Amino acid sequence: MVVANLITAAVTGNYLALFFATLAYAAGLAVVIYALIALVRKGAAKAAKSIKWSRWGRRAEYAVGILSIVLGVLLLGEALGLGTFSTVFKI
């Protein structure tokens, strides 16, 4: 509906309506992004208070990083025609 209003305003040449429709869309999007950032900050603050969470979080970061590198190497080998990904996962 927002896109239809923007297209209608642009096609009819009503640039003032186009401006306000774009402004309203941007304001709504900004409110949603601000709310998400506030929620993430609140959750991160609670998580940072826990030393146990910090230790396990760091281990999880390392594990995800290593898995990402391994998966990247496998996919790169597949892209180069070496068949690494399909060999490991038997696809």
PDB file of N, CA and C in Angstrom:
ATOM      1  N   MET A   1       0.827  -1.181   0.000  1.00  0.00           N
ATOM      2  CA  MET A   1       0.000   0.000   0.000  1.00  0.00           C
ATOM      3  C   MET A   1       0.882   1.260   0.000  1.00  0.00           C
ATOM      4  N   VAL A   2       1.955   1.217   0.744  1.00  0.00           N
ATOM      5  CA  VAL A   2       2.853   2.375   0.788  1.00  0.00           C
ATOM      6  C   VAL A   2       3.467   2.606  -0.586  1.00  0.00           C
ATOM      7  N   VAL A   3       3.895   1.525  -1.216  1.00  0.00           N
ATOM      8  CA  VAL A   3       4.514   1.646  -2.539  1.00  0.00           C
ATOM      9  C   VAL A   3       3.492   2.169  -3.545  1.00  0.00           C
ATOM     10  N   ALA A   4       2.256   1.709  -3.448  1.00  0.00           N
ATOM     11  CA  ALA A   4       1.211   2.181  -4.364  1.00  0.00           C
ATOM     12  C   ALA A   4       0.975   3.677  -4.181  1.00  0.00           C
ATOM     13  N   ASN A   5       0.964   4.139  -2.934  1.00  0.00           N
ATOM     14  CA  ASN A   5       0.795   5.580  -2.691  1.00  0.00           C
ATOM     15  C   ASN A   5       1.965   6.373  -3.253  1.00  0.00           C
ATOM     16  N   LEU A   6       3.167   5.860  -3.076  1.00  0.00           N
ATOM     17  CA  LEU A   6       4.344   6.552  -3.602  1.00  0.00           C
ATOM     18  C   LEU A   6       4.308   6.616  -5.132  1.00  0.00           C
ATOM     19  N   ILE A   7       3.935   5.516  -5.757  1.00  0.00           N
ATOM     20  CA  ILE A   7       3.862   5.487  -7.229  1.00  0.00           C
ATOM     21  C   ILE A   7       2.788   6.426  -7.728  1.00  0.00           C
ATOM     22  N   THR A   8       1.621   6.418  -7.077  1.00  0.00           N
ATOM     23  CA  THR A   8       0.522   7.297  -7.481  1.00  0.00           C
ATOM     24  C   THR A   8       0.928   8.757  -7.369  1.00  0.00           C
ATOM     25  N   ALA A   9       1.560   9.122  -6.271  1.00  0.00           N
ATOM     26  CA  ALA A   9       1.992  10.509  -6.083  1.00  0.00           C
ATOM     27  C   ALA A   9       3.040  10.895  -7.115  1.00  0.00           C
ATOM     28  N   ALA A  10       3.933   9.981  -7.443  1.00  0.00           N
ATOM     29  CA  ALA A  10       4.979  10.282  -8.428  1.00  0.00           C
ATOM     30  C   ALA A  10       4.406  10.415  -9.831  1.00  0.00           C
ATOM     31  N   VAL A  11       3.463   9.529 -10.168  1.00  0.00           N
ATOM     32  CA  VAL A  11       2.892   9.545 -11.519  1.00  0.00           C
ATOM     33  C   VAL A  11       2.021  10.778 -11.728  1.00  0.00           C
ATOM     34  N   THR A  12       1.243  11.150 -10.731  1.00  0.00           N
ATOM     35  CA  THR A  12       0.358  12.306 -10.874  1.00  0.00           C
ATOM     36  C   THR A  12       1.109  13.625 -10.793  1.00  0.00           C
ATOM     37  N   GLY A  13       2.344  13.582 -10.318  1.00  0.00           N
ATOM     38  CA  GLY A  13       3.125  14.805 -10.228  1.00  0.00           C
ATOM     39  C   GLY A  13       2.869  15.579  -8.950  1.00  0.00           C
ATOM     40  N   ASN A  14       2.174  14.978  -8.014  1.00  0.00           N
ATOM     41  CA  ASN A  14       1.908  15.628  -6.738  1.00  0.00           C
ATOM     42  C   ASN A  14       3.108  15.373  -5.818  1.00  0.00           C
ATOM     43  N   TYR A  15       4.113  16.204  -5.978  1.00  0.00           N
ATOM     44  CA  TYR A  15       5.367  15.981  -5.273  1.00  0.00           C
ATOM     45  C   TYR A  15       5.268  16.273  -3.775  1.00  0.00           C
ATOM     46  N   LEU A  16       4.352  17.123  -3.390  1.00  0.00           N
ATOM     47  CA  LEU A  16       4.154  17.396  -1.972  1.00  0.00           C
ATOM     48  C   LEU A  16       3.602  16.143  -1.276  1.00  0.00           C
ATOM     49  N   ALA A  17       2.650  15.488  -1.908  1.00  0.00           N
ATOM     50  CA  ALA A  17       2.108  14.243  -1.357  1.00  0.00           C
ATOM     51  C   ALA A  17       3.187  13.164  -1.346  1.00  0.00           C
ATOM     52  N   LEU A  18       3.991  13.124  -2.388  1.00  0.00           N
ATOM     53  CA  LEU A  18       5.088  12.163  -2.454  1.00  0.00           C
ATOM     54  C   LEU A  18       6.075  12.404  -1.316  1.00  0.00           C
ATOM     55  N   PHE A  19       6.390  13.664  -1.051  1.00  0.00           N
ATOM     56  CA  PHE A  19       7.313  14.005   0.024  1.00  0.00           C
ATOM     57  C   PHE A  19       6.765  13.554   1.375  1.00  0.00           C
ATOM     58  N   PHE A  20       5.497  13.869   1.648  1.00  0.00           N
ATOM     59  CA  PHE A  20       4.934  13.516   2.948  1.00  0.00           C
ATOM     60  C   PHE A  20       4.730  12.012   3.095  1.00  0.00           C
ATOM     61  N   ALA A  21       4.407  11.328   2.012  1.00  0.00           N
ATOM     62  CA  ALA A  21       4.278   9.871   2.080  1.00  0.00           C
ATOM     63  C   ALA A  21       5.633   9.229   2.365  1.00  0.00           C
ATOM     64  N   THR A  22       6.677   9.730   1.724  1.00  0.00           N
ATOM     65  CA  THR A  22       8.021   9.223   1.973  1.00  0.00           C
ATOM     66  C   THR A  22       8.469   9.552   3.390  1.00  0.00           C
ATOM     67  N   LEU A  23       8.145  10.748   3.858  1.00  0.00           N
ATOM     68  CA  LEU A  23       8.489  11.156   5.214  1.00  0.00           C
ATOM     69  C   LEU A  23       7.790  10.274   6.247  1.00  0.00           C
ATOM     70  N   ALA A  24       6.524   9.976   6.022  1.00  0.00           N
ATOM     71  CA  ALA A  24       5.770   9.113   6.944  1.00  0.00           C
ATOM     72  C   ALA A  24       6.340   7.703   6.946  1.00  0.00           C
ATOM     73  N   TYR A  25       6.685   7.196   5.775  1.00  0.00           N
ATOM     74  CA  TYR A  25       7.281   5.859   5.686  1.00  0.00           C
ATOM     75  C   TYR A  25       8.616   5.814   6.430  1.00  0.00           C
ATOM     76  N   ALA A  26       9.445   6.816   6.226  1.00  0.00           N
ATOM     77  CA  ALA A  26      10.758   6.859   6.883  1.00  0.00           C
ATOM     78  C   ALA A  26      10.608   6.998   8.397  1.00  0.00           C
ATOM     79  N   ALA A  27       9.640   7.792   8.846  1.00  0.00           N
ATOM     80  CA  ALA A  27       9.427   7.957  10.282  1.00  0.00           C
ATOM     81  C   ALA A  27       8.970   6.653  10.914  1.00  0.00           C
ATOM     82  N   GLY A  28       8.069   5.951  10.259  1.00  0.00           N
ATOM     83  CA  GLY A  28       7.621   4.665  10.777  1.00  0.00           C
ATOM     84  C   GLY A  28       8.748   3.655  10.841  1.00  0.00           C
ATOM     85  N   LEU A  29       9.567   3.633   9.822  1.00  0.00           N
ATOM     86  CA  LEU A  29      10.705   2.731   9.800  1.00  0.00           C
ATOM     87  C   LEU A  29      11.713   3.092  10.887  1.00  0.00           C
ATOM     88  N   ALA A  30      11.928   4.368  11.108  1.00  0.00           N
ATOM     89  CA  ALA A  30      12.862   4.813  12.140  1.00  0.00           C
ATOM     90  C   ALA A  30      12.380   4.401  13.528  1.00  0.00           C
ATOM     91  N   VAL A  31      11.076   4.479  13.773  1.00  0.00           N
ATOM     92  CA  VAL A  31      10.532   4.079  15.073  1.00  0.00           C
ATOM     93  C   VAL A  31      10.766   2.594  15.318  1.00  0.00           C
ATOM     94  N   VAL A  32      10.524   1.781  14.302  1.00  0.00           N
ATOM     95  CA  VAL A  32      10.723   0.336  14.439  1.00  0.00           C
ATOM     96  C   VAL A  32      12.197   0.011  14.687  1.00  0.00           C
ATOM     97  N   ILE A  33      13.088   0.623  13.940  1.00  0.00           N
ATOM     98  CA  ILE A  33      14.523   0.379  14.113  1.00  0.00           C
ATOM     99  C   ILE A  33      14.979   0.841  15.492  1.00  0.00           C
ATOM    100  N   TYR A  34      14.490   1.992  15.960  1.00  0.00           N
ATOM    101  CA  TYR A  34      14.849   2.481  17.291  1.00  0.00           C
ATOM    102  C   TYR A  34      14.387   1.505  18.369  1.00  0.00           C
ATOM    103  N   ALA A  35      13.167   0.976  18.228  1.00  0.00           N
ATOM    104  CA  ALA A  35      12.645   0.020  19.210  1.00  0.00           C
ATOM    105  C   ALA A  35      13.481  -1.253  19.231  1.00  0.00           C
ATOM    106  N   LEU A  36      13.875  -1.731  18.063  1.00  0.00           N
ATOM    107  CA  LEU A  36      14.715  -2.930  17.999  1.00  0.00           C
ATOM    108  C   LEU A  36      16.074  -2.698  18.641  1.00  0.00           C
ATOM    109  N   ILE A  37      16.665  -1.556  18.372  1.00  0.00           N
ATOM    110  CA  ILE A  37      17.973  -1.242  18.962  1.00  0.00           C
ATOM    111  C   ILE A  37      17.853  -1.137  20.482  1.00  0.00           C
ATOM    112  N   ALA A  38      16.781  -0.529  20.977  1.00  0.00           N
ATOM    113  CA  ALA A  38      16.585  -0.404  22.419  1.00  0.00           C
ATOM    114  C   ALA A  38      16.436  -1.778  23.065  1.00  0.00           C
ATOM    115  N   LEU A  39      15.698  -2.680  22.413  1.00  0.00           N
ATOM    116  CA  LEU A  39      15.533  -4.031  22.954  1.00  0.00           C
ATOM    117  C   LEU A  39      16.848  -4.795  22.968  1.00  0.00           C
ATOM    118  N   VAL A  40      17.625  -4.661  21.905  1.00  0.00           N
ATOM    119  CA  VAL A  40      18.905  -5.361  21.836  1.00  0.00           C
ATOM    120  C   VAL A  40      19.858  -4.815  22.895  1.00  0.00           C
ATOM    121  N   ARG A  41      19.877  -3.518  23.080  1.00  0.00           N
ATOM    122  CA  ARG A  41      20.751  -2.932  24.106  1.00  0.00           C
ATOM    123  C   ARG A  41      20.373  -3.415  25.501  1.00  0.00           C
ATOM    124  N   LYS A  42      19.069  -3.474  25.770  1.00  0.00           N
ATOM    125  CA  LYS A  42      18.623  -3.925  27.082  1.00  0.00           C
ATOM    126  C   LYS A  42      19.025  -5.381  27.306  1.00  0.00           C
ATOM    127  N   GLY A  43      18.851  -6.214  26.298  1.00  0.00           N
ATOM    128  CA  GLY A  43      19.242  -7.614  26.416  1.00  0.00           C
ATOM    129  C   GLY A  43      20.739  -7.784  26.539  1.00  0.00           C
ATOM    130  N   ALA A  44      21.487  -6.983  25.795  1.00  0.00           N
ATOM    131  CA  ALA A  44      22.948  -7.072  25.861  1.00  0.00           C
ATOM    132  C   ALA A  44      23.461  -6.616  27.221  1.00  0.00           C
ATOM    133  N   ALA A  45      22.817  -5.631  27.802  1.00  0.00           N
ATOM    134  CA  ALA A  45      23.238  -5.160  29.120  1.00  0.00           C
ATOM    135  C   ALA A  45      23.017  -6.245  30.170  1.00  0.00           C
ATOM    136  N   LYS A  46      21.897  -6.940  30.079  1.00  0.00           N
ATOM    137  CA  LYS A  46      21.635  -8.030  31.020  1.00  0.00           C
ATOM    138  C   LYS A  46      22.627  -9.167  30.815  1.00  0.00           C
ATOM    139  N   ALA A  47      22.918  -9.474  29.568  1.00  0.00           N
ATOM    140  CA  ALA A  47      23.842 -10.571  29.279  1.00  0.00           C
ATOM    141  C   ALA A  47      25.265 -10.228  29.711  1.00  0.00           C
ATOM    142  N   ALA A  48      25.649  -8.977  29.605  1.00  0.00           N
ATOM    143  CA  ALA A  48      27.008  -8.581  29.958  1.00  0.00           C
ATOM    144  C   ALA A  48      27.240  -8.657  31.460  1.00  0.00           C
ATOM    145  N   LYS A  49      26.191  -8.589  32.248  1.00  0.00           N
ATOM    146  CA  LYS A  49      26.331  -8.662  33.703  1.00  0.00           C
ATOM    147  C   LYS A  49      26.729 -10.051  34.158  1.00  0.00           C
ATOM    148  N   SER A  50      26.432 -11.025  33.366  1.00  0.00           N
ATOM    149  CA  SER A  50      26.711 -12.398  33.755  1.00  0.00           C
ATOM    150  C   SER A  50      28.079 -12.826  33.236  1.00  0.00           C
ATOM    151  N   ILE A  51      28.996 -13.147  34.141  1.00  0.00           N
ATOM    152  CA  ILE A  51      30.332 -13.588  33.743  1.00  0.00           C
ATOM    153  C   ILE A  51      30.247 -14.944  33.058  1.00  0.00           C
ATOM    154  N   LYS A  52      29.369 -15.801  33.565  1.00  0.00           N
ATOM    155  CA  LYS A  52      29.206 -17.123  32.969  1.00  0.00           C
ATOM    156  C   LYS A  52      28.765 -16.980  31.514  1.00  0.00           C
ATOM    157  N   TRP A  53      27.825 -16.096  31.256  1.00  0.00           N
ATOM    158  CA  TRP A  53      27.352 -15.886  29.883  1.00  0.00           C
ATOM    159  C   TRP A  53      28.491 -15.378  29.010  1.00  0.00           C
ATOM    160  N   SER A  54      29.326 -14.522  29.564  1.00  0.00           N
ATOM    161  CA  SER A  54      30.437 -13.971  28.807  1.00  0.00           C
ATOM    162  C   SER A  54      31.413 -15.076  28.392  1.00  0.00           C
ATOM    163  N   ARG A  55      31.701 -15.977  29.320  1.00  0.00           N
ATOM    164  CA  ARG A  55      32.634 -17.069  29.020  1.00  0.00           C
ATOM    165  C   ARG A  55      32.042 -17.991  27.953  1.00  0.00           C
ATOM    166  N   TRP A  56      30.784 -18.369  28.112  1.00  0.00           N
ATOM    167  CA  TRP A  56      30.162 -19.253  27.125  1.00  0.00           C
ATOM    168  C   TRP A  56      29.916 -18.533  25.804  1.00  0.00           C
ATOM    169  N   GLY A  57      29.656 -17.236  25.884  1.00  0.00           N
ATOM    170  CA  GLY A  57      29.467 -16.461  24.660  1.00  0.00           C
ATOM    171  C   GLY A  57      30.730 -16.402  23.830  1.00  0.00           C
ATOM    172  N   ARG A  58      31.866 -16.255  24.502  1.00  0.00           N
ATOM    173  CA  ARG A  58      33.141 -16.219  23.787  1.00  0.00           C
ATOM    174  C   ARG A  58      33.428 -17.571  23.143  1.00  0.00           C
ATOM    175  N   ARG A  59      33.148 -18.641  23.864  1.00  0.00           N
ATOM    176  CA  ARG A  59      33.342 -19.978  23.289  1.00  0.00           C
ATOM    177  C   ARG A  59      32.427 -20.196  22.093  1.00  0.00           C
ATOM    178  N   ALA A  60      31.197 -19.728  22.201  1.00  0.00           N
ATOM    179  CA  ALA A  60      30.261 -19.857  21.084  1.00  0.00           C
ATOM    180  C   ALA A  60      30.738 -19.052  19.883  1.00  0.00           C
ATOM    181  N   GLU A  61      31.293 -17.870  20.124  1.00  0.00           N
ATOM    182  CA  GLU A  61      31.835 -17.062  19.029  1.00  0.00           C
ATOM    183  C   GLU A  61      32.960 -17.793  18.307  1.00  0.00           C
ATOM    184  N   TYR A  62      33.859 -18.390  19.076  1.00  0.00           N
ATOM    185  CA  TYR A  62      34.960 -19.137  18.456  1.00  0.00           C
ATOM    186  C   TYR A  62      34.442 -20.318  17.660  1.00  0.00           C
ATOM    187  N   ALA A  63      33.486 -21.048  18.212  1.00  0.00           N
ATOM    188  CA  ALA A  63      32.937 -22.220  17.528  1.00  0.00           C
ATOM    189  C   ALA A  63      32.250 -21.818  16.225  1.00  0.00           C
ATOM    190  N   VAL A  64      31.448 -20.768  16.279  1.00  0.00           N
ATOM    191  CA  VAL A  64      30.765 -20.310  15.069  1.00  0.00           C
ATOM    192  C   VAL A  64      31.771 -19.794  14.050  1.00  0.00           C
ATOM    193  N   GLY A  65      32.808 -19.129  14.507  1.00  0.00           N
ATOM    194  CA  GLY A  65      33.836 -18.638  13.594  1.00  0.00           C
ATOM    195  C   GLY A  65      34.567 -19.765  12.892  1.00  0.00           C
ATOM    196  N   ILE A  66      34.940 -20.784  13.654  1.00  0.00           N
ATOM    197  CA  ILE A  66      35.638 -21.928  13.062  1.00  0.00           C
ATOM    198  C   ILE A  66      34.727 -22.662  12.084  1.00  0.00           C
ATOM    199  N   LEU A  67      33.468 -22.874  12.471  1.00  0.00           N
ATOM    200  CA  LEU A  67      32.524 -23.536  11.562  1.00  0.00           C
ATOM    201  C   LEU A  67      32.312 -22.727  10.289  1.00  0.00           C
ATOM    202  N   SER A  68      32.274 -21.412  10.411  1.00  0.00           N
ATOM    203  CA  SER A  68      32.100 -20.560   9.233  1.00  0.00           C
ATOM    204  C   SER A  68      33.293 -20.668   8.287  1.00  0.00           C
ATOM    205  N   ILE A  69      34.490 -20.690   8.858  1.00  0.00           N
ATOM    206  CA  ILE A  69      35.691 -20.817   8.027  1.00  0.00           C
ATOM    207  C   ILE A  69      35.711 -22.166   7.318  1.00  0.00           C
ATOM    208  N   VAL A  70      35.392 -23.237   8.052  1.00  0.00           N
ATOM    209  CA  VAL A  70      35.375 -24.574   7.448  1.00  0.00           C
ATOM    210  C   VAL A  70      34.336 -24.645   6.336  1.00  0.00           C
ATOM    211  N   LEU A  71      33.136 -24.135   6.603  1.00  0.00           N
ATOM    212  CA  LEU A  71      32.092 -24.153   5.585  1.00  0.00           C
ATOM    213  C   LEU A  71      32.501 -23.319   4.372  1.00  0.00           C
ATOM    214  N   GLY A  72      33.140 -22.174   4.616  1.00  0.00           N
ATOM    215  CA  GLY A  72      33.608 -21.345   3.510  1.00  0.00           C
ATOM    216  C   GLY A  72      34.638 -22.050   2.648  1.00  0.00           C
ATOM    217  N   VAL A  73      35.563 -22.761   3.288  1.00  0.00           N
ATOM    218  CA  VAL A  73      36.580 -23.509   2.534  1.00  0.00           C
ATOM    219  C   VAL A  73      35.915 -24.615   1.715  1.00  0.00           C
ATOM    220  N   LEU A  74      34.951 -25.313   2.318  1.00  0.00           N
ATOM    221  CA  LEU A  74      34.257 -26.377   1.596  1.00  0.00           C
ATOM    222  C   LEU A  74      33.487 -25.829   0.395  1.00  0.00           C
ATOM    223  N   LEU A  75      32.799 -24.713   0.591  1.00  0.00           N
ATOM    224  CA  LEU A  75      32.038 -24.122  -0.514  1.00  0.00           C
ATOM    225  C   LEU A  75      32.951 -23.547  -1.583  1.00  0.00           C
ATOM    226  N   LEU A  76      34.076 -22.987  -1.178  1.00  0.00           N
ATOM    227  CA  LEU A  76      35.044 -22.473  -2.153  1.00  0.00           C
ATOM    228  C   LEU A  76      35.618 -23.621  -2.988  1.00  0.00           C
ATOM    229  N   GLY A  77      35.923 -24.735  -2.312  1.00  0.00           N
ATOM    230  CA  GLY A  77      36.394 -25.904  -3.041  1.00  0.00           C
ATOM    231  C   GLY A  77      35.359 -26.434  -4.013  1.00  0.00           C
ATOM    232  N   GLU A  78      34.103 -26.374  -3.612  1.00  0.00           N
ATOM    233  CA  GLU A  78      33.014 -26.804  -4.506  1.00  0.00           C
ATOM    234  C   GLU A  78      32.909 -25.877  -5.707  1.00  0.00           C
ATOM    235  N   ALA A  79      33.049 -24.576  -5.465  1.00  0.00           N
ATOM    236  CA  ALA A  79      32.953 -23.604  -6.553  1.00  0.00           C
ATOM    237  C   ALA A  79      34.111 -23.756  -7.540  1.00  0.00           C
ATOM    238  N   LEU A  80      35.268 -24.202  -7.049  1.00  0.00           N
ATOM    239  CA  LEU A  80      36.423 -24.386  -7.927  1.00  0.00           C
ATOM    240  C   LEU A  80      36.399 -25.736  -8.642  1.00  0.00           C
ATOM    241  N   GLY A  81      35.370 -26.528  -8.365  1.00  0.00           N
ATOM    242  CA  GLY A  81      35.223 -27.808  -9.052  1.00  0.00           C
ATOM    243  C   GLY A  81      35.932 -28.962  -8.367  1.00  0.00           C
ATOM    244  N   LEU A  82      36.353 -28.787  -7.115  1.00  0.00           N
ATOM    245  CA  LEU A  82      37.054 -29.847  -6.403  1.00  0.00           C
ATOM    246  C   LEU A  82      36.095 -30.847  -5.761  1.00  0.00           C
ATOM    247  N   GLY A  83      34.820 -30.468  -5.615  1.00  0.00           N
ATOM    248  CA  GLY A  83      33.819 -31.369  -5.054  1.00  0.00           C
ATOM    249  C   GLY A  83      33.943 -31.570  -3.556  1.00  0.00           C
ATOM    250  N   THR A  84      34.504 -30.605  -2.843  1.00  0.00           N
ATOM    251  CA  THR A  84      34.720 -30.778  -1.399  1.00  0.00           C
ATOM    252  C   THR A  84      33.418 -30.832  -0.608  1.00  0.00           C
ATOM    253  N   PHE A  85      32.495 -29.944  -0.888  1.00  0.00           N
ATOM    254  CA  PHE A  85      31.232 -29.882  -0.146  1.00  0.00           C
ATOM    255  C   PHE A  85      30.401 -31.118  -0.417  1.00  0.00           C
ATOM    256  N   SER A  86      30.289 -31.481  -1.695  1.00  0.00           N
ATOM    257  CA  SER A  86      29.464 -32.664  -2.028  1.00  0.00           C
ATOM    258  C   SER A  86      30.096 -33.955  -1.535  1.00  0.00           C
ATOM    259  N   THR A  87      31.411 -34.004  -1.439  1.00  0.00           N
ATOM    260  CA  THR A  87      32.078 -35.201  -0.911  1.00  0.00           C
ATOM    261  C   THR A  87      31.852 -35.336   0.582  1.00  0.00           C
ATOM    262  N   VAL A  88      31.972 -34.240   1.318  1.00  0.00           N
ATOM    263  CA  VAL A  88      31.797 -34.284   2.770  1.00  0.00           C
ATOM    264  C   VAL A  88      30.348 -34.581   3.145  1.00  0.00           C
ATOM    265  N   PHE A  89      29.405 -33.976   2.439  1.00  0.00           N
ATOM    266  CA  PHE A  89      28.001 -34.153   2.787  1.00  0.00           C
ATOM    267  C   PHE A  89      27.269 -35.137   1.890  1.00  0.00           C
ATOM    268  N   LYS A  90      27.947 -35.811   0.996  1.00  0.00           N
ATOM    269  CA  LYS A  90      27.410 -36.854   0.118  1.00  0.00           C
ATOM    270  C   LYS A  90      26.144 -36.404  -0.627  1.00  0.00           C
ATOM    271  N   ILE A  91      26.250 -35.273  -1.293  1.00  0.00           N
ATOM    272  CA  ILE A  91      25.099 -34.746  -2.044  1.00  0.00           C
ATOM    273  C   ILE A  91      25.152 -35.269  -3.449  1.00  0.00           C
TER     274      ILE A  91
END
